[in-house]
């Protein structure tokens, strides 16, 4: 298949610069984001009234004719790897994966292989039509290496463009299950004094802060109230364990989607996730509140007890509303079983 050529006539009242005007007037079915258009301009693949321009800020007016050459998607520089995947749904434009804990989503200097992207390149093969000019899966959101659960990944430019817009507008439904220390109850007077924490009807805890990199540890995120990025997490109690309560299964959902958001916010509220090596710490548990096997299960849990359980979005091509659920993985299910055992 050869290059794709597209001709666009600039309509009335355009933005004064080429990239913004094109972003508005390029047909939706072309699935060319402003970032992709900027790359094509820089590569010399765009002409303005017959003259090649590499300036995204070039002045345009109504009636200008822009011709775009979209090169054939190149093979990714990332290598495919035959790694088993739990595929929940797949069609020509996207794939939904139930990611296991321990798998990194995208290659990075410390993890160049063994990632979800490596696995998807092998699984999808020639079904990838190209994202951003390269035959690769389009990662529109991520979950941490040691968090399990649902991820949607684009297989085509049109899906990538549409999904990215939904995540940007925060219209994607995302529910997580987490096991935390203590219980985030509105009747706890301590929580009334935690800045950024409030309660909505139904005993739903709402945490509203800014998040940014930690001042002294660049691998961590931290809560701020000026600067950073706005972040809102809600959490409700699903099940409590122990007498007095030692741990709680909570359902969390994101109004925004920031790095480590649930982990940071729950720790800020004083209810860090069991097993979280970065934002939590092992706690001294009250004697007799849980069975000894449950105490042992908490102390030995090897990752943050967090699972992306529900994912809902509008299919970026068909417009169909889609919703997927993933049951708790074995390690979290076993932890829950131990926590439910009667204390002796």
Protein backbone atom coordinates (compact mmCIF):
# COMPACT_ATOMS: atom_id res chain seq x y z
CA UNK A 1 0.00 0.00 0.00
CA UNK A 2 1.37 3.44 -0.99
CA UNK A 3 1.28 6.79 0.71
CA UNK A 4 -2.08 8.42 1.36
CA UNK A 5 -2.69 11.87 -0.16
CA UNK A 6 -5.24 14.26 1.22
CA UNK A 7 -6.33 17.69 0.01
CA UNK A 8 -7.96 20.16 2.38
CA UNK A 9 -9.55 23.53 1.62
CA UNK A 10 -9.40 25.93 4.56
CA UNK A 11 -12.92 27.01 5.49
CA UNK A 12 -14.16 30.33 6.88
CA UNK A 13 -12.66 31.97 9.97
CA UNK A 14 -9.62 29.71 10.35
CA UNK A 15 -7.05 29.92 13.12
CA UNK A 16 -4.20 32.05 11.73
CA UNK A 17 -1.58 29.30 11.88
CA UNK A 18 -1.36 26.23 9.67
CA UNK A 19 -1.33 23.44 12.27
CA UNK A 20 -4.38 24.76 14.16
CA UNK A 21 -6.36 25.43 10.98
CA UNK A 22 -5.57 21.97 9.64
CA UNK A 23 -6.52 20.36 12.94
CA UNK A 24 -9.98 21.87 12.55
CA UNK A 25 -10.51 21.26 8.82
CA UNK A 26 -8.94 17.85 8.21
CA UNK A 27 -11.77 15.29 7.81
CA UNK A 28 -12.50 13.35 11.00
CA UNK A 29 -12.12 10.04 9.15
CA UNK A 30 -8.47 10.92 8.42
CA UNK A 31 -7.78 10.57 12.16
CA UNK A 32 -4.88 13.01 12.12
CA UNK A 33 -4.27 14.61 15.50
CA UNK A 34 -2.67 18.04 15.79
CA UNK A 35 0.53 16.38 17.02
CA UNK A 36 0.57 14.07 13.99
CA UNK A 37 -0.09 17.00 11.66
CA UNK A 38 2.78 18.95 13.23
CA UNK A 39 5.12 16.02 12.53
CA UNK A 40 3.97 15.78 8.93
CA UNK A 41 4.53 19.52 8.47
CA UNK A 42 8.02 19.29 9.98
CA UNK A 43 8.84 16.35 7.70
CA UNK A 44 7.95 18.33 4.57
CA UNK A 45 4.84 16.29 3.81
CA UNK A 46 2.52 19.31 3.64
CA UNK A 47 2.15 21.91 0.89
CA UNK A 48 0.39 25.26 1.21
CA UNK A 49 -1.06 26.32 -2.15
CA UNK A 50 1.41 24.04 -3.89
CA UNK A 51 4.51 25.11 -1.95
CA UNK A 52 6.12 22.84 0.65
CA UNK A 53 6.16 24.37 4.12
CA UNK A 54 7.77 23.04 7.29
CA UNK A 55 6.49 25.87 9.48
CA UNK A 56 3.48 24.89 11.65
CA UNK A 57 2.91 28.61 12.30
CA UNK A 58 2.62 29.48 8.59
CA UNK A 59 -0.21 31.96 8.01
CA UNK A 60 -3.36 30.60 6.35
CA UNK A 61 -6.57 32.21 5.17
CA UNK A 62 -9.96 30.99 3.96
CA UNK A 63 -9.69 29.22 0.61
CA UNK A 64 -6.08 28.07 0.95
CA UNK A 65 -5.48 24.55 -0.40
CA UNK A 66 -3.40 22.28 1.79
CA UNK A 67 -2.13 18.99 0.39
CA UNK A 68 -0.94 16.35 2.85
CA UNK A 69 1.04 13.21 2.13
CA UNK A 70 0.66 10.61 4.85
CA UNK A 71 3.50 8.07 4.52
CA UNK A 72 2.92 4.36 4.94
CA UNK A 73 3.29 3.38 8.59
CA UNK A 74 6.80 2.18 9.39
CA UNK A 75 7.60 -0.87 11.49
CA UNK A 76 8.15 -0.09 15.16
CA UNK A 77 11.68 -0.01 16.55
CA UNK A 78 10.34 -2.00 19.51
CA UNK A 79 10.64 -5.75 19.10
CA UNK A 80 7.63 -8.09 19.24
CA UNK A 81 7.74 -10.77 21.94
CA UNK A 82 5.61 -13.87 22.33
CA UNK A 83 4.17 -13.10 25.77
CA UNK A 84 0.73 -14.49 26.71
CA UNK A 85 -2.05 -11.91 26.99
CA UNK A 86 -5.46 -12.04 28.63
CA UNK A 87 -7.52 -10.46 25.84
CA UNK A 88 -10.94 -9.29 27.00
CA UNK A 89 -12.04 -7.73 23.68
CA UNK A 90 -10.50 -7.05 20.28
CA UNK A 91 -11.57 -5.66 16.91
CA UNK A 92 -9.83 -3.89 14.01
CA UNK A 93 -9.38 -0.64 15.96
CA UNK A 94 -8.70 -1.46 19.58
CA UNK A 95 -7.92 -4.17 22.09
CA UNK A 96 -8.81 -4.46 25.79
CA UNK A 97 -6.33 -6.34 27.97
CA UNK A 98 -6.53 -7.62 31.54
CA UNK A 99 -2.92 -6.86 32.52
CA UNK A 100 -1.28 -9.00 35.19
CA UNK A 101 0.61 -7.45 38.07
CA UNK A 102 4.33 -7.31 37.33
CA UNK A 103 4.03 -6.30 33.67
CA UNK A 104 5.27 -2.87 32.58
CA UNK A 105 3.05 -1.20 29.98
CA UNK A 106 5.68 0.49 27.79
CA UNK A 107 9.43 -0.08 27.26
CA UNK A 108 11.72 2.31 29.13
CA UNK A 109 15.47 2.42 29.79
CA UNK A 110 15.13 0.14 32.81
CA UNK A 111 12.68 -2.26 31.13
CA UNK A 112 13.44 -2.47 27.40
CA UNK A 113 11.58 -5.76 26.93
CA UNK A 114 8.92 -7.98 28.44
CA UNK A 115 6.36 -5.16 28.35
CA UNK A 116 2.74 -5.03 27.26
CA UNK A 117 3.77 -3.17 24.09
CA UNK A 118 6.23 -5.93 23.16
CA UNK A 119 3.48 -8.51 23.69
CA UNK A 120 0.94 -6.52 21.66
CA UNK A 121 3.33 -6.13 18.73
CA UNK A 122 3.56 -9.92 18.55
CA UNK A 123 -0.14 -10.52 19.16
CA UNK A 124 -1.46 -7.93 16.70
CA UNK A 125 1.19 -8.31 14.00
CA UNK A 126 0.01 -6.87 10.69
CA UNK A 127 -3.35 -5.87 12.20
CA UNK A 128 -1.72 -2.67 13.46
CA UNK A 129 -2.59 -0.02 10.87
CA UNK A 130 -0.22 2.54 12.32
CA UNK A 131 -0.33 5.05 15.14
CA UNK A 132 1.52 8.30 14.61
CA UNK A 133 3.12 6.95 11.44
CA UNK A 134 4.50 3.82 13.08
CA UNK A 135 3.09 0.31 13.33
CA UNK A 136 2.71 0.23 17.08
CA UNK A 137 -0.09 0.01 19.64
CA UNK A 138 -1.45 3.37 20.80
CA UNK A 139 -1.11 3.67 24.56
CA UNK A 140 -3.75 6.16 25.74
CA UNK A 141 -3.51 5.37 29.47
CA UNK A 142 -1.34 3.27 31.74
CA UNK A 143 -1.52 1.44 35.04
CA UNK A 144 1.47 0.83 37.26
CA UNK A 145 3.66 -2.23 36.83
CA UNK A 146 2.38 -3.84 40.04
CA UNK A 147 -1.25 -2.89 39.48
CA UNK A 148 -3.41 -5.45 37.71
CA UNK A 149 -6.47 -4.93 35.54
CA UNK A 150 -8.04 -3.43 32.46
CA UNK A 151 -6.37 -1.34 29.77
CA UNK A 152 -7.64 -0.26 26.37
CA UNK A 153 -5.06 0.14 23.60
CA UNK A 154 -5.57 1.60 20.12
CA UNK A 155 -4.64 -0.42 17.03
CA UNK A 156 -5.30 2.40 14.55
CA UNK A 157 -4.79 6.14 14.31
CA UNK A 158 -8.53 6.80 14.28
CA UNK A 159 -9.01 4.81 17.49
CA UNK A 160 -6.00 6.44 19.13
CA UNK A 161 -7.29 9.91 18.31
CA UNK A 162 -10.81 9.16 19.59
CA UNK A 163 -9.76 7.41 22.78
CA UNK A 164 -7.23 10.10 23.64
CA UNK A 165 -9.97 12.72 23.43
CA UNK A 166 -12.15 10.76 25.83
CA UNK A 167 -9.35 10.43 28.37
CA UNK A 168 -8.56 14.13 27.98
CA UNK A 169 -12.20 15.01 28.70
CA UNK A 170 -12.33 12.55 31.64
CA UNK A 171 -15.37 10.77 30.19
CA UNK A 172 -13.87 7.27 30.50
CA UNK A 173 -15.35 5.17 33.31
CA UNK A 174 -12.62 3.69 35.51
CA UNK A 175 -13.24 1.86 38.76
CA UNK A 176 -10.51 0.27 40.87
CA UNK A 177 -10.62 -2.10 43.81
CA UNK A 178 -8.05 -1.56 46.56
CA UNK A 179 -7.40 -3.05 49.98
CA UNK A 180 -6.34 -0.31 52.39
CA UNK A 181 -5.36 -0.02 56.04
CA UNK A 182 -8.15 1.19 58.31
CA UNK A 183 -11.47 2.37 56.92
CA UNK A 184 -12.28 5.72 55.24
CA UNK A 185 -15.49 6.42 57.14
CA UNK A 186 -17.21 9.79 57.41
CA UNK A 187 -17.68 9.16 61.14
CA UNK A 188 -13.91 9.21 61.71
CA UNK A 189 -13.19 12.64 63.25
CA UNK A 190 -9.54 12.43 62.14
CA UNK A 191 -10.53 12.64 58.49
CA UNK A 192 -12.32 15.94 59.04
CA UNK A 193 -8.94 17.48 59.73
CA UNK A 194 -7.19 16.18 56.62
CA UNK A 195 -6.90 18.94 54.04
CA UNK A 196 -8.45 18.06 50.69
CA UNK A 197 -10.65 15.28 52.15
CA UNK A 198 -14.43 15.63 52.25
CA UNK A 199 -17.43 13.32 52.19
CA UNK A 200 -20.37 13.13 49.81
CA UNK A 201 -23.73 11.44 50.39
CA UNK A 202 -23.50 7.67 50.70
CA UNK A 203 -20.30 7.86 52.80
CA UNK A 204 -18.21 8.50 49.68
CA UNK A 205 -14.83 10.03 50.43
CA UNK A 206 -13.68 12.69 47.97
CA UNK A 207 -10.02 13.67 47.84
CA UNK A 208 -9.17 16.86 45.93
CA UNK A 209 -5.56 18.05 45.68
CA UNK A 210 -2.83 18.93 43.24
CA UNK A 211 -0.28 16.24 42.40
CA UNK A 212 3.31 16.73 41.28
CA UNK A 213 6.69 15.05 41.56
CA UNK A 214 8.04 14.74 45.10
CA UNK A 215 10.59 17.46 45.85
CA UNK A 216 13.25 15.02 47.03
CA UNK A 217 12.35 11.73 45.32
CA UNK A 218 11.66 12.18 41.61
CA UNK A 219 10.26 8.64 41.33
CA UNK A 220 7.37 9.55 43.62
CA UNK A 221 4.33 11.81 43.36
CA UNK A 222 3.28 14.07 46.22
CA UNK A 223 0.24 16.05 47.31
CA UNK A 224 0.32 19.84 46.90
CA UNK A 225 -2.32 22.53 47.09
CA UNK A 226 -0.64 25.00 44.77
CA UNK A 227 1.02 24.11 41.48
CA UNK A 228 1.02 20.58 40.13
CA UNK A 229 -1.95 19.01 38.37
CA UNK A 230 -5.53 18.93 39.63
CA UNK A 231 -6.54 15.46 40.87
CA UNK A 232 -9.82 14.11 42.24
CA UNK A 233 -10.37 10.60 43.62
CA UNK A 234 -13.51 9.16 45.15
CA UNK A 235 -13.67 6.05 47.32
CA UNK A 236 -16.44 4.09 48.98
CA UNK A 237 -16.34 1.23 51.46
CA UNK A 238 -17.18 -2.19 50.00
CA UNK A 239 -16.21 -4.52 52.86
CA UNK A 240 -14.41 -4.16 56.18
CA UNK A 241 -12.18 -6.68 57.93
CA UNK A 242 -11.37 -7.14 61.61
CA UNK A 243 -12.82 -6.07 64.92
CA UNK A 244 -11.78 -3.33 65.36
CA UNK A 245 -11.50 -2.70 61.60
CA UNK A 246 -7.96 -3.32 60.38
CA UNK A 247 -8.43 -3.22 56.61
CA UNK A 248 -11.08 -2.29 54.06
CA UNK A 249 -11.87 -3.19 50.48
CA UNK A 250 -12.67 0.11 48.79
CA UNK A 251 -13.91 0.96 45.33
CA UNK A 252 -12.11 3.99 43.92
CA UNK A 253 -12.94 5.95 40.81
CA UNK A 254 -11.04 8.68 39.07
CA UNK A 255 -12.32 12.06 37.97
CA UNK A 256 -8.79 12.70 36.71
CA UNK A 257 -6.04 10.23 35.89
CA UNK A 258 -2.65 11.21 37.30
CA UNK A 259 0.41 9.06 37.94
CA UNK A 260 -0.02 6.96 41.12
CA UNK A 261 -3.16 8.98 41.88
CA UNK A 262 -5.08 6.43 43.98
CA UNK A 263 -1.98 5.33 45.86
CA UNK A 264 -0.95 8.90 46.71
CA UNK A 265 -4.44 10.07 47.61
CA UNK A 266 -5.30 7.12 49.84
CA UNK A 267 -1.97 7.51 51.66
CA UNK A 268 -2.68 11.24 52.08
CA UNK A 269 -5.99 10.34 53.74
CA UNK A 270 -4.17 7.97 56.10
CA UNK A 271 -5.41 4.82 54.39
CA UNK A 272 -2.46 3.62 52.34
CA UNK A 273 -2.76 0.48 50.24
CA UNK A 274 -1.68 -2.81 51.72
CA UNK A 275 1.59 -3.90 50.11
CA UNK A 276 2.42 -0.47 48.65
CA UNK A 277 6.23 -0.19 48.89
CA UNK A 278 6.33 3.47 47.87
CA UNK A 279 3.49 5.25 49.63
CA UNK A 280 2.64 2.81 52.40
CA UNK A 281 4.37 1.17 55.30
CA UNK A 282 3.75 -1.94 57.32
CA UNK A 283 1.65 -1.16 60.37
CA UNK A 284 1.39 -2.66 63.80
CA UNK A 285 -2.00 -4.35 63.82
CA UNK A 286 -4.15 -4.62 66.97
CA UNK A 287 -3.84 -8.01 68.62
CA UNK A 288 -6.78 -10.33 68.14
CA UNK A 289 -8.47 -8.21 65.46
CA UNK A 290 -7.69 -10.72 62.70
CA UNK A 291 -6.79 -14.36 62.39
CA UNK A 292 -3.02 -14.88 62.44
CA UNK A 293 -3.09 -16.16 58.86
CA UNK A 294 -4.70 -12.86 57.83
CA UNK A 295 -2.00 -10.89 59.65
CA UNK A 296 0.62 -12.96 57.85
CA UNK A 297 -1.14 -12.42 54.51
CA UNK A 298 -1.06 -8.65 55.01
CA UNK A 299 2.61 -8.54 55.99
CA UNK A 300 3.68 -10.74 53.08
CA UNK A 301 1.53 -9.21 50.33
CA UNK A 302 4.09 -8.48 47.63
CA UNK A 303 2.58 -5.53 45.74
CA UNK A 304 0.12 -2.69 46.17
CA UNK A 305 -3.34 -4.27 46.51
CA UNK A 306 -4.85 -2.40 43.56
CA UNK A 307 -6.82 -3.74 40.60
CA UNK A 308 -8.39 -1.87 37.66
CA UNK A 309 -11.74 -3.67 37.79
CA UNK A 310 -14.03 -1.69 35.46
CA UNK A 311 -13.37 0.17 32.22
CA UNK A 312 -16.06 1.89 30.17
CA UNK A 313 -15.83 4.13 27.11
CA UNK A 314 -17.45 4.98 23.79
CA UNK A 315 -15.99 2.99 20.92
CA UNK A 316 -14.06 5.67 19.00
CA UNK A 317 -15.16 4.34 15.59
CA UNK A 318 -18.58 2.70 15.98
CA UNK A 319 -19.84 4.99 18.75
CA UNK A 320 -21.04 1.98 20.75
CA UNK A 321 -20.87 2.28 24.53
CA UNK A 322 -18.58 -0.42 25.89
CA UNK A 323 -18.05 -1.57 29.47
CA UNK A 324 -15.74 -4.31 30.74
CA UNK A 325 -15.17 -5.89 34.14
CA UNK A 326 -12.24 -7.97 35.38
CA UNK A 327 -12.49 -10.12 38.50
CA UNK A 328 -9.88 -9.80 41.24
CA UNK A 329 -6.66 -11.65 40.42
CA UNK A 330 -5.71 -14.67 42.47
CA UNK A 331 -3.38 -12.89 44.89
CA UNK A 332 -5.94 -10.26 45.88
CA UNK A 333 -8.76 -12.81 46.03
CA UNK A 334 -6.65 -14.97 48.34
CA UNK A 335 -5.85 -11.94 50.52
CA UNK A 336 -9.59 -11.27 50.83
CA UNK A 337 -10.27 -14.88 51.80
CA UNK A 338 -7.69 -14.68 54.57
CA UNK A 339 -9.07 -11.37 55.85
CA UNK A 340 -12.55 -12.87 56.12
CA UNK A 341 -11.42 -15.69 58.42
CA UNK A 342 -12.70 -15.35 62.00
CA UNK A 343 -10.18 -14.22 64.58
CA UNK A 344 -9.31 -16.79 67.24
